[in-house]
């Protein structure tokens, strides 16, 4: 379950009964899981809440990779050769 471990688990019947309150809590930053027979089925979270695996972090590879100065010209000769008309 990963990042969802320890998250509040609500059975589907209770979720139906208290949906408005639960959605409001999720919108305020309190996500929860809806379960059926104890097995988590879905995670309810605010739309603007970041998903741990999908957060874009600018510069996270700084110093680990380099981009060649001629990156935007790499392969020019090969590309030109491919587009030369055969007469």
PDB file of N, CA and C in Angstrom:
ATOM      1  N   UNK A   1       0.823  -1.187   0.000  1.00  0.00           N
ATOM      2  CA  UNK A   1       0.000   0.000   0.000  1.00  0.00           C
ATOM      3  C   UNK A   1       0.866   1.249   0.000  1.00  0.00           C
ATOM      4  N   UNK A   2       2.098   1.186   0.409  1.00  0.00           N
ATOM      5  CA  UNK A   2       3.044   2.285   0.304  1.00  0.00           C
ATOM      6  C   UNK A   2       2.661   3.494   1.128  1.00  0.00           C
ATOM      7  N   UNK A   3       2.529   4.662   0.456  1.00  0.00           N
ATOM      8  CA  UNK A   3       2.248   5.925   1.125  1.00  0.00           C
ATOM      9  C   UNK A   3       0.883   5.923   1.801  1.00  0.00           C
ATOM     10  N   UNK A   4       0.012   4.970   1.483  1.00  0.00           N
ATOM     11  CA  UNK A   4      -1.323   4.915   2.059  1.00  0.00           C
ATOM     12  C   UNK A   4      -1.338   4.202   3.410  1.00  0.00           C
ATOM     13  N   UNK A   5      -0.208   3.585   3.792  1.00  0.00           N
ATOM     14  CA  UNK A   5      -0.152   2.888   5.073  1.00  0.00           C
ATOM     15  C   UNK A   5      -0.426   3.879   6.199  1.00  0.00           C
ATOM     16  N   UNK A   6      -1.256   3.485   7.143  1.00  0.00           N
ATOM     17  CA  UNK A   6      -1.584   4.351   8.259  1.00  0.00           C
ATOM     18  C   UNK A   6      -2.701   5.336   7.950  1.00  0.00           C
ATOM     19  N   UNK A   7      -3.156   5.383   6.716  1.00  0.00           N
ATOM     20  CA  UNK A   7      -4.243   6.277   6.330  1.00  0.00           C
ATOM     21  C   UNK A   7      -5.557   5.711   6.860  1.00  0.00           C
ATOM     22  N   UNK A   8      -6.487   6.603   7.209  1.00  0.00           N
ATOM     23  CA  UNK A   8      -7.793   6.192   7.723  1.00  0.00           C
ATOM     24  C   UNK A   8      -8.515   5.342   6.675  1.00  0.00           C
ATOM     25  N   UNK A   9      -9.023   4.179   7.109  1.00  0.00           N
ATOM     26  CA  UNK A   9      -9.738   3.263   6.217  1.00  0.00           C
ATOM     27  C   UNK A   9     -11.213   3.270   6.610  1.00  0.00           C
ATOM     28  N   UNK A  10     -12.066   3.558   5.637  1.00  0.00           N
ATOM     29  CA  UNK A  10     -13.510   3.644   5.865  1.00  0.00           C
ATOM     30  C   UNK A  10     -14.185   2.554   5.045  1.00  0.00           C
ATOM     31  N   UNK A  11     -15.116   1.791   5.684  1.00  0.00           N
ATOM     32  CA  UNK A  11     -15.806   0.778   4.879  1.00  0.00           C
ATOM     33  C   UNK A  11     -16.798   1.472   3.951  1.00  0.00           C
ATOM     34  N   UNK A  12     -17.133   0.810   2.876  1.00  0.00           N
ATOM     35  CA  UNK A  12     -17.926   1.420   1.811  1.00  0.00           C
ATOM     36  C   UNK A  12     -19.304   1.878   2.312  1.00  0.00           C
ATOM     37  N   UNK A  13     -19.913   1.134   3.217  1.00  0.00           N
ATOM     38  CA  UNK A  13     -21.225   1.535   3.752  1.00  0.00           C
ATOM     39  C   UNK A  13     -21.108   2.845   4.525  1.00  0.00           C
ATOM     40  N   UNK A  14     -20.105   2.940   5.380  1.00  0.00           N
ATOM     41  CA  UNK A  14     -19.890   4.175   6.148  1.00  0.00           C
ATOM     42  C   UNK A  14     -19.569   5.340   5.210  1.00  0.00           C
ATOM     43  N   UNK A  15     -18.798   5.074   4.159  1.00  0.00           N
ATOM     44  CA  UNK A  15     -18.458   6.124   3.195  1.00  0.00           C
ATOM     45  C   UNK A  15     -19.718   6.659   2.526  1.00  0.00           C
ATOM     46  N   UNK A  16     -20.653   5.772   2.176  1.00  0.00           N
ATOM     47  CA  UNK A  16     -21.906   6.219   1.562  1.00  0.00           C
ATOM     48  C   UNK A  16     -22.709   7.065   2.542  1.00  0.00           C
ATOM     49  N   UNK A  17     -22.738   6.641   3.779  1.00  0.00           N
ATOM     50  CA  UNK A  17     -23.523   7.325   4.800  1.00  0.00           C
ATOM     51  C   UNK A  17     -22.972   8.719   5.109  1.00  0.00           C
ATOM     52  N   UNK A  18     -21.644   8.851   5.113  1.00  0.00           N
ATOM     53  CA  UNK A  18     -20.997  10.106   5.533  1.00  0.00           C
ATOM     54  C   UNK A  18     -20.191  10.755   4.413  1.00  0.00           C
ATOM     55  N   UNK A  19     -20.603  10.532   3.177  1.00  0.00           N
ATOM     56  CA  UNK A  19     -19.807  10.984   2.036  1.00  0.00           C
ATOM     57  C   UNK A  19     -19.494  12.480   2.067  1.00  0.00           C
ATOM     58  N   UNK A  20     -20.472  13.315   2.322  1.00  0.00           N
ATOM     59  CA  UNK A  20     -20.238  14.771   2.307  1.00  0.00           C
ATOM     60  C   UNK A  20     -19.150  15.169   3.300  1.00  0.00           C
ATOM     61  N   UNK A  21     -19.253  14.666   4.519  1.00  0.00           N
ATOM     62  CA  UNK A  21     -18.268  14.997   5.555  1.00  0.00           C
ATOM     63  C   UNK A  21     -16.881  14.460   5.184  1.00  0.00           C
ATOM     64  N   UNK A  22     -16.830  13.234   4.690  1.00  0.00           N
ATOM     65  CA  UNK A  22     -15.551  12.630   4.324  1.00  0.00           C
ATOM     66  C   UNK A  22     -14.887  13.366   3.160  1.00  0.00           C
ATOM     67  N   UNK A  23     -15.676  13.774   2.173  1.00  0.00           N
ATOM     68  CA  UNK A  23     -15.125  14.512   1.036  1.00  0.00           C
ATOM     69  C   UNK A  23     -14.580  15.857   1.509  1.00  0.00           C
ATOM     70  N   UNK A  24     -15.302  16.514   2.389  1.00  0.00           N
ATOM     71  CA  UNK A  24     -14.829  17.801   2.927  1.00  0.00           C
ATOM     72  C   UNK A  24     -13.503  17.610   3.671  1.00  0.00           C
ATOM     73  N   UNK A  25     -13.394  16.559   4.457  1.00  0.00           N
ATOM     74  CA  UNK A  25     -12.143  16.285   5.177  1.00  0.00           C
ATOM     75  C   UNK A  25     -11.002  16.012   4.201  1.00  0.00           C
ATOM     76  N   UNK A  26     -11.273  15.249   3.149  1.00  0.00           N
ATOM     77  CA  UNK A  26     -10.245  14.960   2.150  1.00  0.00           C
ATOM     78  C   UNK A  26      -9.805  16.252   1.462  1.00  0.00           C
ATOM     79  N   UNK A  27     -10.768  17.126   1.165  1.00  0.00           N
ATOM     80  CA  UNK A  27     -10.444  18.402   0.525  1.00  0.00           C
ATOM     81  C   UNK A  27      -9.583  19.269   1.436  1.00  0.00           C
ATOM     82  N   UNK A  28      -9.710  19.073   2.745  1.00  0.00           N
ATOM     83  CA  UNK A  28      -8.915  19.837   3.714  1.00  0.00           C
ATOM     84  C   UNK A  28      -7.566  19.175   4.020  1.00  0.00           C
ATOM     85  N   UNK A  29      -7.232  18.138   3.257  1.00  0.00           N
ATOM     86  CA  UNK A  29      -5.928  17.507   3.422  1.00  0.00           C
ATOM     87  C   UNK A  29      -5.910  16.248   4.254  1.00  0.00           C
ATOM     88  N   UNK A  30      -7.058  15.644   4.477  1.00  0.00           N
ATOM     89  CA  UNK A  30      -7.135  14.397   5.237  1.00  0.00           C
ATOM     90  C   UNK A  30      -7.625  13.272   4.318  1.00  0.00           C
ATOM     91  N   UNK A  31      -6.742  12.738   3.463  1.00  0.00           N
ATOM     92  CA  UNK A  31      -7.166  11.672   2.551  1.00  0.00           C
ATOM     93  C   UNK A  31      -7.545  10.410   3.327  1.00  0.00           C
ATOM     94  N   UNK A  32      -8.333   9.556   2.682  1.00  0.00           N
ATOM     95  CA  UNK A  32      -8.742   8.303   3.321  1.00  0.00           C
ATOM     96  C   UNK A  32      -8.920   7.221   2.267  1.00  0.00           C
ATOM     97  N   UNK A  33      -8.997   5.998   2.731  1.00  0.00           N
ATOM     98  CA  UNK A  33      -9.209   4.850   1.858  1.00  0.00           C
ATOM     99  C   UNK A  33     -10.631   4.354   2.034  1.00  0.00           C
ATOM    100  N   UNK A  34     -11.260   3.940   0.936  1.00  0.00           N
ATOM    101  CA  UNK A  34     -12.556   3.270   1.014  1.00  0.00           C
ATOM    102  C   UNK A  34     -12.280   1.787   0.797  1.00  0.00           C
ATOM    103  N   UNK A  35     -12.787   0.978   1.734  1.00  0.00           N
ATOM    104  CA  UNK A  35     -12.528  -0.455   1.706  1.00  0.00           C
ATOM    105  C   UNK A  35     -13.833  -1.239   1.612  1.00  0.00           C
ATOM    106  N   UNK A  36     -13.721  -2.424   1.038  1.00  0.00           N
ATOM    107  CA  UNK A  36     -14.855  -3.358   0.990  1.00  0.00           C
ATOM    108  C   UNK A  36     -14.363  -4.664   1.581  1.00  0.00           C
ATOM    109  N   UNK A  37     -15.043  -5.143   2.588  1.00  0.00           N
ATOM    110  CA  UNK A  37     -14.645  -6.356   3.310  1.00  0.00           C
ATOM    111  C   UNK A  37     -13.212  -6.229   3.822  1.00  0.00           C
ATOM    112  N   UNK A  38     -12.853  -5.014   4.251  1.00  0.00           N
ATOM    113  CA  UNK A  38     -11.523  -4.790   4.816  1.00  0.00           C
ATOM    114  C   UNK A  38     -10.417  -4.580   3.801  1.00  0.00           C
ATOM    115  N   UNK A  39     -10.708  -4.762   2.520  1.00  0.00           N
ATOM    116  CA  UNK A  39      -9.696  -4.607   1.473  1.00  0.00           C
ATOM    117  C   UNK A  39      -9.808  -3.215   0.845  1.00  0.00           C
ATOM    118  N   UNK A  40      -8.744  -2.402   0.934  1.00  0.00           N
ATOM    119  CA  UNK A  40      -8.790  -1.059   0.351  1.00  0.00           C
ATOM    120  C   UNK A  40      -9.049  -1.118  -1.153  1.00  0.00           C
ATOM    121  N   UNK A  41      -9.996  -0.290  -1.619  1.00  0.00           N
ATOM    122  CA  UNK A  41     -10.344  -0.240  -3.036  1.00  0.00           C
ATOM    123  C   UNK A  41      -9.883   1.052  -3.701  1.00  0.00           C
ATOM    124  N   UNK A  42     -10.116   2.188  -3.023  1.00  0.00           N
ATOM    125  CA  UNK A  42      -9.778   3.485  -3.610  1.00  0.00           C
ATOM    126  C   UNK A  42      -9.242   4.420  -2.536  1.00  0.00           C
ATOM    127  N   UNK A  43      -8.471   5.404  -2.989  1.00  0.00           N
ATOM    128  CA  UNK A  43      -7.971   6.453  -2.108  1.00  0.00           C
ATOM    129  C   UNK A  43      -8.664   7.742  -2.503  1.00  0.00           C
ATOM    130  N   UNK A  44      -9.220   8.444  -1.530  1.00  0.00           N
ATOM    131  CA  UNK A  44      -9.870   9.732  -1.777  1.00  0.00           C
ATOM    132  C   UNK A  44      -8.955  10.806  -1.225  1.00  0.00           C
ATOM    133  N   UNK A  45      -8.557  11.732  -2.097  1.00  0.00           N
ATOM    134  CA  UNK A  45      -7.642  12.793  -1.708  1.00  0.00           C
ATOM    135  C   UNK A  45      -8.001  14.065  -2.457  1.00  0.00           C
ATOM    136  N   UNK A  46      -7.547  15.186  -1.960  1.00  0.00           N
ATOM    137  CA  UNK A  46      -7.816  16.462  -2.631  1.00  0.00           C
ATOM    138  C   UNK A  46      -7.153  16.458  -4.007  1.00  0.00           C
ATOM    139  N   UNK A  47      -7.785  17.098  -4.969  1.00  0.00           N
ATOM    140  CA  UNK A  47      -7.257  17.129  -6.333  1.00  0.00           C
ATOM    141  C   UNK A  47      -5.890  17.785  -6.391  1.00  0.00           C
ATOM    142  N   UNK A  48      -5.677  18.845  -5.614  1.00  0.00           N
ATOM    143  CA  UNK A  48      -4.406  19.549  -5.682  1.00  0.00           C
ATOM    144  C   UNK A  48      -3.318  18.931  -4.803  1.00  0.00           C
ATOM    145  N   UNK A  49      -3.626  17.822  -4.152  1.00  0.00           N
ATOM    146  CA  UNK A  49      -2.634  17.158  -3.315  1.00  0.00           C
ATOM    147  C   UNK A  49      -1.607  16.461  -4.197  1.00  0.00           C
ATOM    148  N   UNK A  50      -0.316  16.663  -3.938  1.00  0.00           N
ATOM    149  CA  UNK A  50       0.697  15.995  -4.760  1.00  0.00           C
ATOM    150  C   UNK A  50       0.712  14.500  -4.510  1.00  0.00           C
ATOM    151  N   UNK A  51       0.928  13.751  -5.555  1.00  0.00           N
ATOM    152  CA  UNK A  51       1.059  12.302  -5.463  1.00  0.00           C
ATOM    153  C   UNK A  51       2.548  12.022  -5.337  1.00  0.00           C
ATOM    154  N   UNK A  52       2.971  11.371  -4.272  1.00  0.00           N
ATOM    155  CA  UNK A  52       4.385  11.169  -3.978  1.00  0.00           C
ATOM    156  C   UNK A  52       5.260  10.793  -5.149  1.00  0.00           C
ATOM    157  N   UNK A  53       4.816   9.861  -6.013  1.00  0.00           N
ATOM    158  CA  UNK A  53       5.638   9.427  -7.123  1.00  0.00           C
ATOM    159  C   UNK A  53       5.587  10.337  -8.330  1.00  0.00           C
ATOM    160  N   UNK A  54       4.758  11.342  -8.300  1.00  0.00           N
ATOM    161  CA  UNK A  54       4.581  12.178  -9.480  1.00  0.00           C
ATOM    162  C   UNK A  54       5.007  13.623  -9.264  1.00  0.00           C
ATOM    163  N   UNK A  55       5.648  13.920  -8.148  1.00  0.00           N
ATOM    164  CA  UNK A  55       6.110  15.272  -7.884  1.00  0.00           C
ATOM    165  C   UNK A  55       7.329  15.554  -8.752  1.00  0.00           C
ATOM    166  N   UNK A  56       7.276  16.633  -9.524  1.00  0.00           N
ATOM    167  CA  UNK A  56       8.415  17.009 -10.366  1.00  0.00           C
ATOM    168  C   UNK A  56       9.331  17.896  -9.548  1.00  0.00           C
ATOM    169  N   UNK A  57      10.574  17.506  -9.465  1.00  0.00           N
ATOM    170  CA  UNK A  57      11.548  18.272  -8.698  1.00  0.00           C
ATOM    171  C   UNK A  57      12.602  18.808  -9.645  1.00  0.00           C
ATOM    172  N   UNK A  58      12.578  20.096  -9.876  1.00  0.00           N
ATOM    173  CA  UNK A  58      13.562  20.713 -10.752  1.00  0.00           C
ATOM    174  C   UNK A  58      14.940  20.625 -10.125  1.00  0.00           C
ATOM    175  N   UNK A  59      15.900  20.267 -10.934  1.00  0.00           N
ATOM    176  CA  UNK A  59      17.285  20.245 -10.483  1.00  0.00           C
ATOM    177  C   UNK A  59      17.679  19.046  -9.657  1.00  0.00           C
ATOM    178  N   UNK A  60      16.856  18.011  -9.594  1.00  0.00           N
ATOM    179  CA  UNK A  60      17.188  16.876  -8.732  1.00  0.00           C
ATOM    180  C   UNK A  60      18.383  16.078  -9.237  1.00  0.00           C
ATOM    181  N   UNK A  61      18.789  16.260 -10.496  1.00  0.00           N
ATOM    182  CA  UNK A  61      19.976  15.580 -11.014  1.00  0.00           C
ATOM    183  C   UNK A  61      21.158  16.544 -11.186  1.00  0.00           C
ATOM    184  N   UNK A  62      21.059  17.723 -10.614  1.00  0.00           N
ATOM    185  CA  UNK A  62      22.133  18.712 -10.741  1.00  0.00           C
ATOM    186  C   UNK A  62      23.462  18.112 -10.280  1.00  0.00           C
ATOM    187  N   UNK A  63      24.465  18.253 -11.135  1.00  0.00           N
ATOM    188  CA  UNK A  63      25.782  17.741 -10.811  1.00  0.00           C
ATOM    189  C   UNK A  63      25.975  16.270 -11.135  1.00  0.00           C
ATOM    190  N   UNK A  64      24.914  15.556 -11.475  1.00  0.00           N
ATOM    191  CA  UNK A  64      25.021  14.129 -11.774  1.00  0.00           C
ATOM    192  C   UNK A  64      25.081  13.848 -13.267  1.00  0.00           C
ATOM    193  N   UNK A  65      24.554  14.759 -14.069  1.00  0.00           N
ATOM    194  CA  UNK A  65      24.602  14.578 -15.515  1.00  0.00           C
ATOM    195  C   UNK A  65      25.068  15.876 -16.159  1.00  0.00           C
ATOM    196  N   UNK A  66      25.589  15.753 -17.365  1.00  0.00           N
ATOM    197  CA  UNK A  66      25.976  16.944 -18.116  1.00  0.00           C
ATOM    198  C   UNK A  66      25.351  16.852 -19.510  1.00  0.00           C
ATOM    199  N   UNK A  67      25.030  18.010 -20.046  1.00  0.00           N
ATOM    200  CA  UNK A  67      24.472  18.092 -21.393  1.00  0.00           C
ATOM    201  C   UNK A  67      25.555  18.704 -22.270  1.00  0.00           C
ATOM    202  N   UNK A  68      25.939  18.022 -23.354  1.00  0.00           N
ATOM    203  CA  UNK A  68      26.984  18.554 -24.221  1.00  0.00           C
ATOM    204  C   UNK A  68      26.584  19.917 -24.800  1.00  0.00           C
ATOM    205  N   UNK A  69      27.567  20.768 -25.021  1.00  0.00           N
ATOM    206  CA  UNK A  69      27.310  22.094 -25.588  1.00  0.00           C
ATOM    207  C   UNK A  69      26.641  22.000 -26.951  1.00  0.00           C
ATOM    208  N   UNK A  70      26.962  20.950 -27.709  1.00  0.00           N
ATOM    209  CA  UNK A  70      26.401  20.812 -29.055  1.00  0.00           C
ATOM    210  C   UNK A  70      25.150  19.920 -29.065  1.00  0.00           C
ATOM    211  N   UNK A  71      24.493  19.784 -27.938  1.00  0.00           N
ATOM    212  CA  UNK A  71      23.327  18.906 -27.830  1.00  0.00           C
ATOM    213  C   UNK A  71      22.302  19.184 -28.919  1.00  0.00           C
ATOM    214  N   UNK A  72      22.017  20.465 -29.185  1.00  0.00           N
ATOM    215  CA  UNK A  72      20.993  20.810 -30.171  1.00  0.00           C
ATOM    216  C   UNK A  72      21.463  20.628 -31.614  1.00  0.00           C
ATOM    217  N   UNK A  73      22.736  20.271 -31.801  1.00  0.00           N
ATOM    218  CA  UNK A  73      23.264  20.045 -33.149  1.00  0.00           C
ATOM    219  C   UNK A  73      23.721  18.604 -33.345  1.00  0.00           C
ATOM    220  N   UNK A  74      23.579  17.787 -32.340  1.00  0.00           N
ATOM    221  CA  UNK A  74      24.016  16.398 -32.433  1.00  0.00           C
ATOM    222  C   UNK A  74      23.242  15.680 -33.536  1.00  0.00           C
ATOM    223  N   UNK A  75      23.935  14.995 -34.406  1.00  0.00           N
ATOM    224  CA  UNK A  75      23.300  14.229 -35.459  1.00  0.00           C
ATOM    225  C   UNK A  75      22.955  15.049 -36.692  1.00  0.00           C
ATOM    226  N   UNK A  76      23.354  16.319 -36.731  1.00  0.00           N
ATOM    227  CA  UNK A  76      23.047  17.173 -37.890  1.00  0.00           C
ATOM    228  C   UNK A  76      23.482  16.549 -39.209  1.00  0.00           C
ATOM    229  N   UNK A  77      24.698  16.044 -39.242  1.00  0.00           N
ATOM    230  CA  UNK A  77      25.223  15.478 -40.489  1.00  0.00           C
ATOM    231  C   UNK A  77      24.388  14.282 -40.940  1.00  0.00           C
ATOM    232  N   UNK A  78      24.032  13.428 -39.999  1.00  0.00           N
ATOM    233  CA  UNK A  78      23.217  12.252 -40.320  1.00  0.00           C
ATOM    234  C   UNK A  78      21.833  12.678 -40.817  1.00  0.00           C
ATOM    235  N   UNK A  79      21.249  13.650 -40.161  1.00  0.00           N
ATOM    236  CA  UNK A  79      19.924  14.132 -40.566  1.00  0.00           C
ATOM    237  C   UNK A  79      19.987  14.742 -41.962  1.00  0.00           C
ATOM    238  N   UNK A  80      21.009  15.551 -42.216  1.00  0.00           N
ATOM    239  CA  UNK A  80      21.167  16.153 -43.546  1.00  0.00           C
ATOM    240  C   UNK A  80      21.292  15.069 -44.609  1.00  0.00           C
ATOM    241  N   UNK A  81      22.087  14.058 -44.311  1.00  0.00           N
ATOM    242  CA  UNK A  81      22.296  12.960 -45.268  1.00  0.00           C
ATOM    243  C   UNK A  81      20.982  12.232 -45.567  1.00  0.00           C
ATOM    244  N   UNK A  82      20.148  12.071 -44.575  1.00  0.00           N
ATOM    245  CA  UNK A  82      18.872  11.392 -44.760  1.00  0.00           C
ATOM    246  C   UNK A  82      17.896  12.183 -45.635  1.00  0.00           C
ATOM    247  N   UNK A  83      18.050  13.506 -45.638  1.00  0.00           N
ATOM    248  CA  UNK A  83      17.140  14.344 -46.402  1.00  0.00           C
ATOM    249  C   UNK A  83      17.674  14.778 -47.764  1.00  0.00           C
ATOM    250  N   UNK A  84      18.886  14.348 -48.102  1.00  0.00           N
ATOM    251  CA  UNK A  84      19.451  14.675 -49.407  1.00  0.00           C
ATOM    252  C   UNK A  84      18.653  13.937 -50.466  1.00  0.00           C
ATOM    253  N   UNK A  85      18.237  14.666 -51.481  1.00  0.00           N
ATOM    254  CA  UNK A  85      17.468  14.044 -52.558  1.00  0.00           C
ATOM    255  C   UNK A  85      18.368  13.130 -53.385  1.00  0.00           C
ATOM    256  N   UNK A  86      17.852  11.999 -53.685  1.00  0.00           N
ATOM    257  CA  UNK A  86      18.573  11.066 -54.550  1.00  0.00           C
ATOM    258  C   UNK A  86      18.159  11.394 -55.985  1.00  0.00           C
ATOM    259  N   UNK A  87      19.147  11.658 -56.847  1.00  0.00           N
ATOM    260  CA  UNK A  87      18.825  12.017 -58.229  1.00  0.00           C
ATOM    261  C   UNK A  87      19.236  10.927 -59.189  1.00  0.00           C
TER     262      UNK A  87
END
